[in-house]
Amino acid sequence: VAAQHSQDYSAWYAQIPGLKVDSPYFAADAKGLLKAAIRDPNPIVFLEHEMMYGHEFDIPDVEDWVVPIGKAKIARAGSDVTIVAWSMGMDYALKAAEALAKDGIEAAVLDLRSLAPLDRAAVLTVAKHCGRVLIVHEDARTGGIGESVAAVIQEEAFEWLDAPVRVLGALDTPVPYAPPLEEFYLMNASDIERAARLLAAY
């Protein structure tokens, strides 16, 4: 395992012009995006997170369930801070949001679902709504998708921000093999909760 299987290369794919990249969390989105990808004539990379295979979700009872590529969705409403995530990061983000809610901090959670094309309109809408944005990803911090999302916000929604955009990513190293080191390397719900608390208090 280790870096040969666990490294997150989503940013590598997303930066290739003309290549679409999907990275869903919910099963309904995975089903709908995969059907959309099969029908799309363009080349598409469909990313699945291995650690999500044990998760169970409801699937809409719709004969032809399709989710549009390049459209993010708000997975949780909130007004104090926005957490932007995708794939397994959504699991941590939603758990962190629940923990924050117990202390009266309402965190919105935006699920990107597609990394390319990026739903810039949705990102800007949530950034302007809360004024505080935390972007989380399991990729290495440097050059990751999170930094691209942060750049969009800084360039097009700077005047709406009440705090600097924060990006929470993995360390700039290959994924370690030893379980304690891998746990240290990756973010978790507690890391997101701490970072969101700092932003909410800014």
N, C-alpha and C. Protein backbone atom coordinates (compact mmCIF):
# COMPACT_ATOMS: atom_id res chain seq x y z
N VAL A 1 0.84 -1.20 0.00
CA VAL A 1 0.00 0.00 0.00
C VAL A 1 0.87 1.25 0.00
N ALA A 2 0.72 2.10 1.01
CA ALA A 2 1.50 3.34 1.09
C ALA A 2 1.31 4.20 -0.17
N ALA A 3 2.35 4.92 -0.57
CA ALA A 3 2.21 5.90 -1.65
C ALA A 3 1.84 5.24 -2.99
N GLN A 4 2.22 3.95 -3.16
CA GLN A 4 1.93 3.30 -4.43
C GLN A 4 0.42 3.13 -4.65
N HIS A 5 -0.36 3.11 -3.58
CA HIS A 5 -1.80 2.93 -3.70
C HIS A 5 -2.60 4.05 -3.05
N SER A 6 -2.02 4.76 -2.10
CA SER A 6 -2.79 5.69 -1.28
C SER A 6 -2.60 7.16 -1.63
N GLN A 7 -1.63 7.49 -2.46
CA GLN A 7 -1.41 8.89 -2.79
C GLN A 7 -2.59 9.45 -3.59
N ASP A 8 -2.95 10.69 -3.30
CA ASP A 8 -4.07 11.33 -3.97
C ASP A 8 -3.55 12.13 -5.16
N TYR A 9 -3.91 11.69 -6.36
CA TYR A 9 -3.44 12.34 -7.57
C TYR A 9 -4.55 13.10 -8.29
N SER A 10 -5.60 13.46 -7.57
CA SER A 10 -6.72 14.13 -8.21
C SER A 10 -6.31 15.44 -8.87
N ALA A 11 -5.38 16.17 -8.25
CA ALA A 11 -4.94 17.44 -8.83
C ALA A 11 -4.20 17.22 -10.15
N TRP A 12 -3.49 16.09 -10.27
CA TRP A 12 -2.79 15.78 -11.52
C TRP A 12 -3.78 15.69 -12.66
N TYR A 13 -4.89 14.98 -12.42
CA TYR A 13 -5.89 14.80 -13.46
C TYR A 13 -6.63 16.10 -13.75
N ALA A 14 -6.99 16.81 -12.70
CA ALA A 14 -7.82 18.01 -12.85
C ALA A 14 -7.13 19.12 -13.63
N GLN A 15 -5.80 19.12 -13.66
CA GLN A 15 -5.10 20.21 -14.35
C GLN A 15 -4.89 19.94 -15.84
N ILE A 16 -5.35 18.78 -16.31
CA ILE A 16 -5.20 18.46 -17.73
C ILE A 16 -6.35 19.09 -18.51
N PRO A 17 -6.09 20.02 -19.40
CA PRO A 17 -7.16 20.66 -20.16
C PRO A 17 -7.98 19.65 -20.96
N GLY A 18 -9.29 19.79 -20.87
CA GLY A 18 -10.17 18.91 -21.63
C GLY A 18 -10.56 17.63 -20.91
N LEU A 19 -9.91 17.35 -19.77
CA LEU A 19 -10.22 16.13 -19.01
C LEU A 19 -11.17 16.48 -17.87
N LYS A 20 -12.28 15.79 -17.79
CA LYS A 20 -13.23 16.00 -16.70
C LYS A 20 -12.91 15.03 -15.56
N VAL A 21 -13.09 15.49 -14.33
CA VAL A 21 -12.75 14.67 -13.16
C VAL A 21 -13.89 14.70 -12.16
N ASP A 22 -14.44 13.53 -11.87
CA ASP A 22 -15.49 13.40 -10.87
C ASP A 22 -14.94 12.70 -9.63
N SER A 23 -15.37 13.17 -8.45
CA SER A 23 -14.93 12.55 -7.20
C SER A 23 -16.04 12.66 -6.16
N PRO A 24 -17.08 11.83 -6.29
CA PRO A 24 -18.26 11.94 -5.42
C PRO A 24 -18.06 11.29 -4.05
N TYR A 25 -18.97 11.62 -3.15
CA TYR A 25 -19.00 11.01 -1.81
C TYR A 25 -20.26 10.16 -1.64
N PHE A 26 -21.41 10.76 -1.85
CA PHE A 26 -22.67 10.03 -1.67
C PHE A 26 -22.90 9.03 -2.80
N ALA A 27 -23.51 7.90 -2.46
CA ALA A 27 -23.75 6.85 -3.44
C ALA A 27 -24.66 7.34 -4.58
N ALA A 28 -25.65 8.15 -4.23
CA ALA A 28 -26.55 8.68 -5.26
C ALA A 28 -25.79 9.52 -6.27
N ASP A 29 -24.83 10.31 -5.77
CA ASP A 29 -24.02 11.13 -6.67
C ASP A 29 -23.08 10.25 -7.50
N ALA A 30 -22.55 9.21 -6.87
CA ALA A 30 -21.66 8.31 -7.61
C ALA A 30 -22.41 7.64 -8.76
N LYS A 31 -23.62 7.19 -8.47
CA LYS A 31 -24.42 6.55 -9.52
C LYS A 31 -24.77 7.55 -10.62
N GLY A 32 -25.25 8.71 -10.22
CA GLY A 32 -25.67 9.71 -11.21
C GLY A 32 -24.54 10.26 -12.02
N LEU A 33 -23.39 10.49 -11.40
CA LEU A 33 -22.23 11.01 -12.12
C LEU A 33 -21.62 9.96 -13.04
N LEU A 34 -21.64 8.70 -12.59
CA LEU A 34 -21.08 7.65 -13.44
C LEU A 34 -21.92 7.48 -14.71
N LYS A 35 -23.24 7.56 -14.56
CA LYS A 35 -24.11 7.47 -15.75
C LYS A 35 -23.86 8.66 -16.67
N ALA A 36 -23.68 9.84 -16.08
CA ALA A 36 -23.40 11.02 -16.89
C ALA A 36 -22.06 10.89 -17.60
N ALA A 37 -21.08 10.30 -16.90
CA ALA A 37 -19.75 10.12 -17.49
C ALA A 37 -19.79 9.16 -18.67
N ILE A 38 -20.56 8.08 -18.53
CA ILE A 38 -20.66 7.09 -19.61
C ILE A 38 -21.29 7.73 -20.86
N ARG A 39 -22.24 8.61 -20.65
CA ARG A 39 -22.94 9.24 -21.77
C ARG A 39 -22.20 10.43 -22.36
N ASP A 40 -21.22 10.93 -21.62
CA ASP A 40 -20.48 12.11 -22.08
C ASP A 40 -19.43 11.68 -23.10
N PRO A 41 -19.32 12.35 -24.24
CA PRO A 41 -18.35 11.96 -25.27
C PRO A 41 -16.91 12.36 -24.92
N ASN A 42 -16.75 13.15 -23.90
CA ASN A 42 -15.41 13.62 -23.52
C ASN A 42 -14.71 12.62 -22.60
N PRO A 43 -13.37 12.69 -22.52
CA PRO A 43 -12.64 11.81 -21.59
C PRO A 43 -12.89 12.24 -20.14
N ILE A 44 -13.19 11.26 -19.29
CA ILE A 44 -13.52 11.55 -17.89
C ILE A 44 -12.79 10.58 -16.97
N VAL A 45 -12.22 11.11 -15.90
CA VAL A 45 -11.63 10.28 -14.85
C VAL A 45 -12.61 10.26 -13.69
N PHE A 46 -12.99 9.05 -13.28
CA PHE A 46 -13.95 8.88 -12.19
C PHE A 46 -13.20 8.32 -10.99
N LEU A 47 -13.06 9.14 -9.94
CA LEU A 47 -12.26 8.76 -8.79
C LEU A 47 -13.13 8.20 -7.67
N GLU A 48 -12.77 7.01 -7.19
CA GLU A 48 -13.44 6.40 -6.06
C GLU A 48 -12.45 6.25 -4.91
N HIS A 49 -12.90 6.57 -3.70
CA HIS A 49 -12.05 6.45 -2.53
C HIS A 49 -12.26 5.07 -1.91
N GLU A 50 -11.19 4.33 -1.80
CA GLU A 50 -11.28 2.95 -1.32
C GLU A 50 -11.92 2.85 0.07
N MET A 51 -11.66 3.83 0.92
CA MET A 51 -12.17 3.77 2.29
C MET A 51 -13.68 4.02 2.37
N MET A 52 -14.29 4.38 1.25
CA MET A 52 -15.73 4.63 1.24
C MET A 52 -16.54 3.40 0.86
N TYR A 53 -15.88 2.34 0.48
CA TYR A 53 -16.60 1.15 0.01
C TYR A 53 -17.48 0.53 1.10
N GLY A 54 -17.16 0.76 2.36
CA GLY A 54 -17.95 0.21 3.45
C GLY A 54 -19.11 1.09 3.88
N HIS A 55 -19.21 2.28 3.30
CA HIS A 55 -20.30 3.20 3.65
C HIS A 55 -21.58 2.81 2.90
N GLU A 56 -22.71 3.05 3.55
CA GLU A 56 -24.00 2.78 2.92
C GLU A 56 -24.82 4.06 2.86
N PHE A 57 -25.44 4.30 1.70
CA PHE A 57 -26.28 5.48 1.49
C PHE A 57 -27.56 5.07 0.77
N ASP A 58 -28.55 5.92 0.87
CA ASP A 58 -29.79 5.70 0.13
C ASP A 58 -29.59 6.11 -1.33
N ILE A 59 -30.27 5.41 -2.22
CA ILE A 59 -30.25 5.73 -3.65
C ILE A 59 -31.67 6.11 -4.06
N PRO A 60 -31.86 7.23 -4.74
CA PRO A 60 -33.21 7.61 -5.17
C PRO A 60 -33.84 6.55 -6.07
N ASP A 61 -35.11 6.29 -5.85
CA ASP A 61 -35.83 5.31 -6.66
C ASP A 61 -36.34 6.00 -7.92
N VAL A 62 -35.39 6.32 -8.79
CA VAL A 62 -35.68 7.01 -10.05
C VAL A 62 -35.15 6.15 -11.19
N GLU A 63 -35.94 5.96 -12.21
CA GLU A 63 -35.56 5.05 -13.29
C GLU A 63 -34.27 5.48 -13.98
N ASP A 64 -34.12 6.76 -14.23
CA ASP A 64 -32.92 7.24 -14.94
C ASP A 64 -32.28 8.36 -14.12
N TRP A 65 -31.63 7.99 -13.03
CA TRP A 65 -31.03 8.95 -12.13
C TRP A 65 -29.67 9.41 -12.68
N VAL A 66 -29.57 10.68 -13.03
CA VAL A 66 -28.33 11.23 -13.58
C VAL A 66 -28.01 12.53 -12.85
N VAL A 67 -26.75 12.70 -12.50
CA VAL A 67 -26.27 13.92 -11.83
C VAL A 67 -25.39 14.69 -12.81
N PRO A 68 -25.63 15.97 -13.02
CA PRO A 68 -24.83 16.73 -13.99
C PRO A 68 -23.37 16.87 -13.54
N ILE A 69 -22.47 16.69 -14.46
CA ILE A 69 -21.04 16.86 -14.19
C ILE A 69 -20.72 18.34 -14.04
N GLY A 70 -19.90 18.67 -13.05
CA GLY A 70 -19.49 20.05 -12.87
C GLY A 70 -20.41 20.88 -12.00
N LYS A 71 -21.31 20.22 -11.26
CA LYS A 71 -22.24 20.94 -10.39
C LYS A 71 -22.05 20.48 -8.94
N ALA A 72 -21.63 21.39 -8.08
CA ALA A 72 -21.49 21.09 -6.66
C ALA A 72 -22.85 21.13 -5.99
N LYS A 73 -22.93 20.64 -4.75
CA LYS A 73 -24.19 20.72 -4.01
C LYS A 73 -23.92 21.01 -2.54
N ILE A 74 -24.84 21.71 -1.92
CA ILE A 74 -24.73 21.98 -0.50
C ILE A 74 -25.25 20.77 0.26
N ALA A 75 -24.36 20.09 0.97
CA ALA A 75 -24.74 18.90 1.71
C ALA A 75 -25.26 19.24 3.10
N ARG A 76 -24.90 20.42 3.58
CA ARG A 76 -25.38 20.87 4.89
C ARG A 76 -25.43 22.38 4.89
N ALA A 77 -26.53 22.94 5.36
CA ALA A 77 -26.67 24.40 5.41
C ALA A 77 -26.04 24.95 6.69
N GLY A 78 -25.56 26.18 6.61
CA GLY A 78 -24.96 26.84 7.77
C GLY A 78 -24.63 28.27 7.42
N SER A 79 -24.34 29.08 8.44
CA SER A 79 -24.10 30.50 8.19
C SER A 79 -22.84 31.04 8.85
N ASP A 80 -22.16 30.24 9.66
CA ASP A 80 -20.99 30.74 10.38
C ASP A 80 -19.67 30.50 9.65
N VAL A 81 -19.55 29.36 9.03
CA VAL A 81 -18.33 29.01 8.29
C VAL A 81 -18.71 27.97 7.24
N THR A 82 -18.04 28.01 6.11
CA THR A 82 -18.29 27.03 5.05
C THR A 82 -17.10 26.08 4.94
N ILE A 83 -17.40 24.78 4.92
CA ILE A 83 -16.38 23.76 4.70
C ILE A 83 -16.58 23.21 3.30
N VAL A 84 -15.56 23.31 2.47
CA VAL A 84 -15.62 22.79 1.11
C VAL A 84 -14.83 21.49 1.07
N ALA A 85 -15.48 20.43 0.56
CA ALA A 85 -14.82 19.12 0.54
C ALA A 85 -15.34 18.30 -0.64
N TRP A 86 -14.83 17.10 -0.76
CA TRP A 86 -15.28 16.14 -1.77
C TRP A 86 -14.75 14.78 -1.37
N SER A 87 -15.29 13.75 -1.99
CA SER A 87 -14.87 12.38 -1.72
C SER A 87 -14.85 12.09 -0.22
N MET A 88 -13.84 11.40 0.28
CA MET A 88 -13.79 11.02 1.69
C MET A 88 -13.72 12.23 2.62
N GLY A 89 -13.23 13.35 2.10
CA GLY A 89 -13.19 14.57 2.91
C GLY A 89 -14.57 14.98 3.38
N MET A 90 -15.61 14.62 2.62
CA MET A 90 -16.97 14.93 3.01
C MET A 90 -17.36 14.21 4.30
N ASP A 91 -16.90 13.00 4.46
CA ASP A 91 -17.20 12.24 5.67
C ASP A 91 -16.69 12.98 6.90
N TYR A 92 -15.43 13.43 6.82
CA TYR A 92 -14.84 14.17 7.93
C TYR A 92 -15.53 15.52 8.12
N ALA A 93 -15.84 16.19 7.02
CA ALA A 93 -16.44 17.52 7.09
C ALA A 93 -17.81 17.48 7.76
N LEU A 94 -18.63 16.48 7.40
CA LEU A 94 -19.96 16.39 7.97
C LEU A 94 -19.90 16.04 9.46
N LYS A 95 -18.97 15.17 9.83
CA LYS A 95 -18.80 14.85 11.25
C LYS A 95 -18.33 16.08 12.03
N ALA A 96 -17.43 16.84 11.45
CA ALA A 96 -16.95 18.06 12.11
C ALA A 96 -18.08 19.06 12.25
N ALA A 97 -18.92 19.18 11.22
CA ALA A 97 -20.04 20.12 11.27
C ALA A 97 -21.02 19.75 12.37
N GLU A 98 -21.26 18.47 12.57
CA GLU A 98 -22.15 18.02 13.63
C GLU A 98 -21.57 18.37 15.00
N ALA A 99 -20.28 18.19 15.16
CA ALA A 99 -19.63 18.52 16.43
C ALA A 99 -19.68 20.02 16.70
N LEU A 100 -19.48 20.81 15.65
CA LEU A 100 -19.53 22.27 15.79
C LEU A 100 -20.93 22.75 16.16
N ALA A 101 -21.94 22.09 15.61
CA ALA A 101 -23.32 22.49 15.87
C ALA A 101 -23.69 22.36 17.34
N LYS A 102 -23.05 21.43 18.04
CA LYS A 102 -23.33 21.24 19.46
C LYS A 102 -22.93 22.46 20.28
N ASP A 103 -22.01 23.26 19.74
CA ASP A 103 -21.56 24.49 20.41
C ASP A 103 -22.13 25.74 19.74
N GLY A 104 -23.13 25.55 18.90
CA GLY A 104 -23.80 26.69 18.29
C GLY A 104 -23.12 27.26 17.07
N ILE A 105 -22.13 26.55 16.54
CA ILE A 105 -21.45 27.00 15.31
C ILE A 105 -22.04 26.24 14.14
N GLU A 106 -22.76 26.94 13.28
CA GLU A 106 -23.43 26.30 12.15
C GLU A 106 -22.52 26.34 10.91
N ALA A 107 -22.01 25.19 10.55
CA ALA A 107 -21.11 25.09 9.41
C ALA A 107 -21.85 24.57 8.18
N ALA A 108 -21.73 25.30 7.10
CA ALA A 108 -22.25 24.81 5.82
C ALA A 108 -21.19 23.89 5.22
N VAL A 109 -21.63 22.85 4.52
CA VAL A 109 -20.70 21.92 3.87
C VAL A 109 -21.04 21.85 2.39
N LEU A 110 -20.09 22.23 1.56
CA LEU A 110 -20.27 22.18 0.10
C LEU A 110 -19.51 20.99 -0.45
N ASP A 111 -20.22 20.12 -1.13
CA ASP A 111 -19.62 18.95 -1.77
C ASP A 111 -19.35 19.29 -3.23
N LEU A 112 -18.09 19.37 -3.60
CA LEU A 112 -17.75 19.74 -4.99
C LEU A 112 -18.23 18.67 -5.99
N ARG A 113 -18.11 17.42 -5.65
CA ARG A 113 -18.48 16.28 -6.50
C ARG A 113 -17.64 16.19 -7.77
N SER A 114 -17.52 17.27 -8.50
CA SER A 114 -16.68 17.31 -9.71
C SER A 114 -15.53 18.28 -9.46
N LEU A 115 -14.32 17.84 -9.80
CA LEU A 115 -13.14 18.69 -9.61
C LEU A 115 -12.79 19.43 -10.88
N ALA A 116 -13.20 18.89 -12.02
CA ALA A 116 -13.01 19.56 -13.30
C ALA A 116 -14.14 19.11 -14.22
N PRO A 117 -14.98 20.03 -14.66
CA PRO A 117 -14.91 21.46 -14.37
C PRO A 117 -15.34 21.78 -12.94
N LEU A 118 -14.72 22.80 -12.37
CA LEU A 118 -15.03 23.24 -11.02
C LEU A 118 -16.26 24.15 -11.05
N ASP A 119 -17.17 23.93 -10.13
CA ASP A 119 -18.37 24.76 -10.03
C ASP A 119 -18.02 26.06 -9.32
N ARG A 120 -17.44 26.97 -10.05
CA ARG A 120 -16.99 28.23 -9.48
C ARG A 120 -18.15 29.04 -8.89
N ALA A 121 -19.30 29.00 -9.55
CA ALA A 121 -20.46 29.77 -9.08
C ALA A 121 -20.89 29.30 -7.69
N ALA A 122 -20.92 28.00 -7.47
CA ALA A 122 -21.31 27.46 -6.16
C ALA A 122 -20.29 27.82 -5.10
N VAL A 123 -19.01 27.73 -5.45
CA VAL A 123 -17.94 28.08 -4.50
C VAL A 123 -18.06 29.54 -4.08
N LEU A 124 -18.27 30.41 -5.05
CA LEU A 124 -18.37 31.85 -4.75
C LEU A 124 -19.63 32.16 -3.94
N THR A 125 -20.71 31.46 -4.22
CA THR A 125 -21.95 31.70 -3.49
C THR A 125 -21.80 31.38 -2.01
N VAL A 126 -21.21 30.23 -1.69
CA VAL A 126 -21.06 29.88 -0.28
C VAL A 126 -20.01 30.75 0.40
N ALA A 127 -18.99 31.16 -0.34
CA ALA A 127 -17.97 32.03 0.24
C ALA A 127 -18.57 33.38 0.62
N LYS A 128 -19.41 33.91 -0.24
CA LYS A 128 -20.05 35.20 0.04
C LYS A 128 -21.09 35.08 1.15
N HIS A 129 -21.71 33.92 1.26
CA HIS A 129 -22.76 33.73 2.26
C HIS A 129 -22.20 33.72 3.67
N CYS A 130 -21.12 32.97 3.88
CA CYS A 130 -20.56 32.83 5.24
C CYS A 130 -19.40 33.79 5.52
N GLY A 131 -18.62 34.10 4.50
CA GLY A 131 -17.48 34.99 4.70
C GLY A 131 -16.27 34.31 5.32
N ARG A 132 -16.42 33.04 5.65
CA ARG A 132 -15.32 32.26 6.22
C ARG A 132 -15.32 30.89 5.55
N VAL A 133 -14.20 30.52 4.93
CA VAL A 133 -14.16 29.29 4.15
C VAL A 133 -12.96 28.43 4.54
N LEU A 134 -13.26 27.16 4.80
CA LEU A 134 -12.23 26.15 5.07
C LEU A 134 -12.33 25.09 3.98
N ILE A 135 -11.24 24.87 3.27
CA ILE A 135 -11.21 23.88 2.20
C ILE A 135 -10.36 22.71 2.68
N VAL A 136 -10.92 21.51 2.57
CA VAL A 136 -10.20 20.33 3.07
C VAL A 136 -10.00 19.33 1.94
N HIS A 137 -8.81 18.74 1.91
CA HIS A 137 -8.54 17.68 0.94
C HIS A 137 -7.45 16.76 1.48
N GLU A 138 -7.49 15.51 1.02
CA GLU A 138 -6.50 14.53 1.47
C GLU A 138 -5.22 14.58 0.64
N ASP A 139 -5.23 15.37 -0.39
CA ASP A 139 -4.05 15.54 -1.23
C ASP A 139 -2.99 16.32 -0.45
N ALA A 140 -1.74 16.25 -0.91
CA ALA A 140 -0.70 17.07 -0.32
C ALA A 140 -1.10 18.53 -0.43
N ARG A 141 -0.74 19.31 0.57
CA ARG A 141 -1.18 20.71 0.62
C ARG A 141 -0.72 21.48 -0.62
N THR A 142 0.54 21.34 -1.00
CA THR A 142 1.08 22.11 -2.11
C THR A 142 0.55 21.62 -3.45
N GLY A 143 -0.06 22.53 -4.21
CA GLY A 143 -0.54 22.19 -5.55
C GLY A 143 -1.82 21.39 -5.59
N GLY A 144 -2.50 21.28 -4.46
CA GLY A 144 -3.73 20.50 -4.44
C GLY A 144 -4.93 21.27 -4.96
N ILE A 145 -6.05 20.58 -5.09
CA ILE A 145 -7.29 21.20 -5.56
C ILE A 145 -7.71 22.34 -4.63
N GLY A 146 -7.48 22.15 -3.34
CA GLY A 146 -7.87 23.15 -2.37
C GLY A 146 -7.27 24.52 -2.64
N GLU A 147 -6.04 24.54 -3.07
CA GLU A 147 -5.39 25.82 -3.36
C GLU A 147 -6.00 26.47 -4.60
N SER A 148 -6.45 25.68 -5.55
CA SER A 148 -7.12 26.23 -6.72
C SER A 148 -8.46 26.85 -6.33
N VAL A 149 -9.19 26.16 -5.46
CA VAL A 149 -10.47 26.68 -4.98
C VAL A 149 -10.25 27.97 -4.20
N ALA A 150 -9.22 27.98 -3.37
CA ALA A 150 -8.91 29.18 -2.58
C ALA A 150 -8.58 30.36 -3.48
N ALA A 151 -7.89 30.10 -4.58
CA ALA A 151 -7.53 31.17 -5.51
C ALA A 151 -8.77 31.78 -6.14
N VAL A 152 -9.74 30.93 -6.49
CA VAL A 152 -11.00 31.43 -7.06
C VAL A 152 -11.69 32.37 -6.08
N ILE A 153 -11.73 31.97 -4.83
CA ILE A 153 -12.40 32.79 -3.81
C ILE A 153 -11.66 34.10 -3.59
N GLN A 154 -10.35 34.03 -3.48
CA GLN A 154 -9.55 35.24 -3.24
C GLN A 154 -9.67 36.23 -4.39
N GLU A 155 -9.74 35.70 -5.60
CA GLU A 155 -9.79 36.57 -6.78
C GLU A 155 -11.17 37.19 -7.00
N GLU A 156 -12.23 36.43 -6.70
CA GLU A 156 -13.57 36.87 -7.10
C GLU A 156 -14.52 37.15 -5.94
N ALA A 157 -14.11 36.86 -4.70
CA ALA A 157 -15.01 37.11 -3.57
C ALA A 157 -14.27 37.69 -2.37
N PHE A 158 -13.13 38.31 -2.62
CA PHE A 158 -12.29 38.80 -1.53
C PHE A 158 -13.03 39.79 -0.63
N GLU A 159 -13.82 40.68 -1.23
CA GLU A 159 -14.47 41.73 -0.44
C GLU A 159 -15.57 41.19 0.46
N TRP A 160 -16.00 39.96 0.24
CA TRP A 160 -17.03 39.34 1.09
C TRP A 160 -16.43 38.54 2.25
N LEU A 161 -15.12 38.37 2.25
CA LEU A 161 -14.49 37.53 3.27
C LEU A 161 -14.31 38.27 4.59
N ASP A 162 -14.58 37.56 5.68
CA ASP A 162 -14.35 38.08 7.03
C ASP A 162 -13.10 37.49 7.64
N ALA A 163 -12.49 36.53 6.95
CA ALA A 163 -11.27 35.88 7.42
C ALA A 163 -10.54 35.30 6.21
N PRO A 164 -9.23 35.10 6.33
CA PRO A 164 -8.51 34.49 5.21
C PRO A 164 -9.03 33.08 4.91
N VAL A 165 -9.02 32.71 3.65
CA VAL A 165 -9.40 31.36 3.28
C VAL A 165 -8.35 30.39 3.81
N ARG A 166 -8.80 29.31 4.41
CA ARG A 166 -7.87 28.34 4.99
C ARG A 166 -7.95 27.03 4.22
N VAL A 167 -6.81 26.44 3.90
CA VAL A 167 -6.75 25.15 3.22
C VAL A 167 -6.12 24.15 4.17
N LEU A 168 -6.85 23.07 4.41
CA LEU A 168 -6.36 22.00 5.29
C LEU A 168 -6.11 20.77 4.43
N GLY A 169 -4.85 20.42 4.25
CA GLY A 169 -4.49 19.27 3.42
C GLY A 169 -3.52 18.36 4.14
N ALA A 170 -3.06 17.36 3.43
CA ALA A 170 -2.09 16.42 3.99
C ALA A 170 -0.69 17.03 3.94
N LEU A 171 0.23 16.35 4.56
CA LEU A 171 1.62 16.82 4.55
C LEU A 171 2.23 16.66 3.16
N ASP A 172 3.23 17.44 2.87
CA ASP A 172 3.89 17.37 1.56
C ASP A 172 4.92 16.25 1.55
N THR A 173 4.43 15.05 1.75
CA THR A 173 5.28 13.85 1.73
C THR A 173 4.49 12.72 1.07
N PRO A 174 5.17 11.67 0.64
CA PRO A 174 4.43 10.48 0.19
C PRO A 174 3.64 9.91 1.36
N VAL A 175 2.55 9.21 1.07
CA VAL A 175 1.76 8.60 2.13
C VAL A 175 2.59 7.51 2.81
N PRO A 176 2.78 7.58 4.12
CA PRO A 176 3.58 6.55 4.81
C PRO A 176 2.84 5.23 4.94
N TYR A 177 3.57 4.15 5.07
CA TYR A 177 2.98 2.82 5.16
C TYR A 177 2.53 2.49 6.58
N ALA A 178 3.34 2.83 7.58
CA ALA A 178 3.03 2.48 8.97
C ALA A 178 1.73 3.16 9.41
N PRO A 179 0.78 2.41 9.96
CA PRO A 179 -0.52 2.98 10.36
C PRO A 179 -0.44 4.23 11.24
N PRO A 180 0.42 4.26 12.28
CA PRO A 180 0.49 5.49 13.09
C PRO A 180 0.96 6.70 12.29
N LEU A 181 1.88 6.48 11.36
CA LEU A 181 2.37 7.58 10.53
C LEU A 181 1.32 8.02 9.52
N GLU A 182 0.59 7.05 8.96
CA GLU A 182 -0.47 7.39 8.02
C GLU A 182 -1.57 8.18 8.73
N GLU A 183 -1.90 7.80 9.96
CA GLU A 183 -2.91 8.52 10.73
C GLU A 183 -2.46 9.95 10.99
N PHE A 184 -1.17 10.12 11.27
CA PHE A 184 -0.62 11.45 11.49
C PHE A 184 -0.63 12.27 10.20
N TYR A 185 -0.38 11.59 9.09
CA TYR A 185 -0.30 12.25 7.78
C TYR A 185 -1.66 12.78 7.33
N LEU A 186 -2.71 12.00 7.52
CA LEU A 186 -4.03 12.36 7.00
C LEU A 186 -4.79 13.25 7.98
N MET A 187 -5.68 14.08 7.44
CA MET A 187 -6.56 14.88 8.28
C MET A 187 -7.69 13.99 8.78
N ASN A 188 -8.43 14.50 9.77
CA ASN A 188 -9.61 13.80 10.26
C ASN A 188 -10.64 14.83 10.70
N ALA A 189 -11.77 14.36 11.21
CA ALA A 189 -12.86 15.27 11.59
C ALA A 189 -12.42 16.24 12.69
N SER A 190 -11.59 15.78 13.61
CA SER A 190 -11.14 16.65 14.70
C SER A 190 -10.27 17.79 14.18
N ASP A 191 -9.42 17.49 13.19
CA ASP A 191 -8.59 18.54 12.58
C ASP A 191 -9.46 19.61 11.92
N ILE A 192 -10.50 19.15 11.22
CA ILE A 192 -11.40 20.08 10.54
C ILE A 192 -12.18 20.90 11.55
N GLU A 193 -12.62 20.25 12.61
CA GLU A 193 -13.37 20.96 13.64
C GLU A 193 -12.53 22.07 14.27
N ARG A 194 -11.28 21.77 14.60
CA ARG A 194 -10.39 22.79 15.20
C ARG A 194 -10.18 23.96 14.25
N ALA A 195 -9.91 23.65 12.97
CA ALA A 195 -9.66 24.71 12.00
C ALA A 195 -10.91 25.57 11.79
N ALA A 196 -12.07 24.92 11.77
CA ALA A 196 -13.32 25.68 11.57
C ALA A 196 -13.63 26.56 12.78
N ARG A 197 -13.32 26.10 13.97
CA ARG A 197 -13.54 26.91 15.17
C ARG A 197 -12.68 28.19 15.12
N LEU A 198 -11.46 28.03 14.67
CA LEU A 198 -10.57 29.20 14.57
C LEU A 198 -11.13 30.21 13.57
N LEU A 199 -11.64 29.72 12.45
CA LEU A 199 -12.21 30.61 11.44
C LEU A 199 -13.48 31.28 11.96
N ALA A 200 -14.33 30.51 12.64
CA ALA A 200 -15.59 31.06 13.13
C ALA A 200 -15.37 32.15 14.17
N ALA A 201 -14.25 32.06 14.88
CA ALA A 201 -13.95 33.04 15.92
C ALA A 201 -13.15 34.22 15.40
N TYR A 202 -12.81 34.18 14.12
CA TYR A 202 -11.92 35.20 13.55
C TYR A 202 -12.59 36.59 13.57
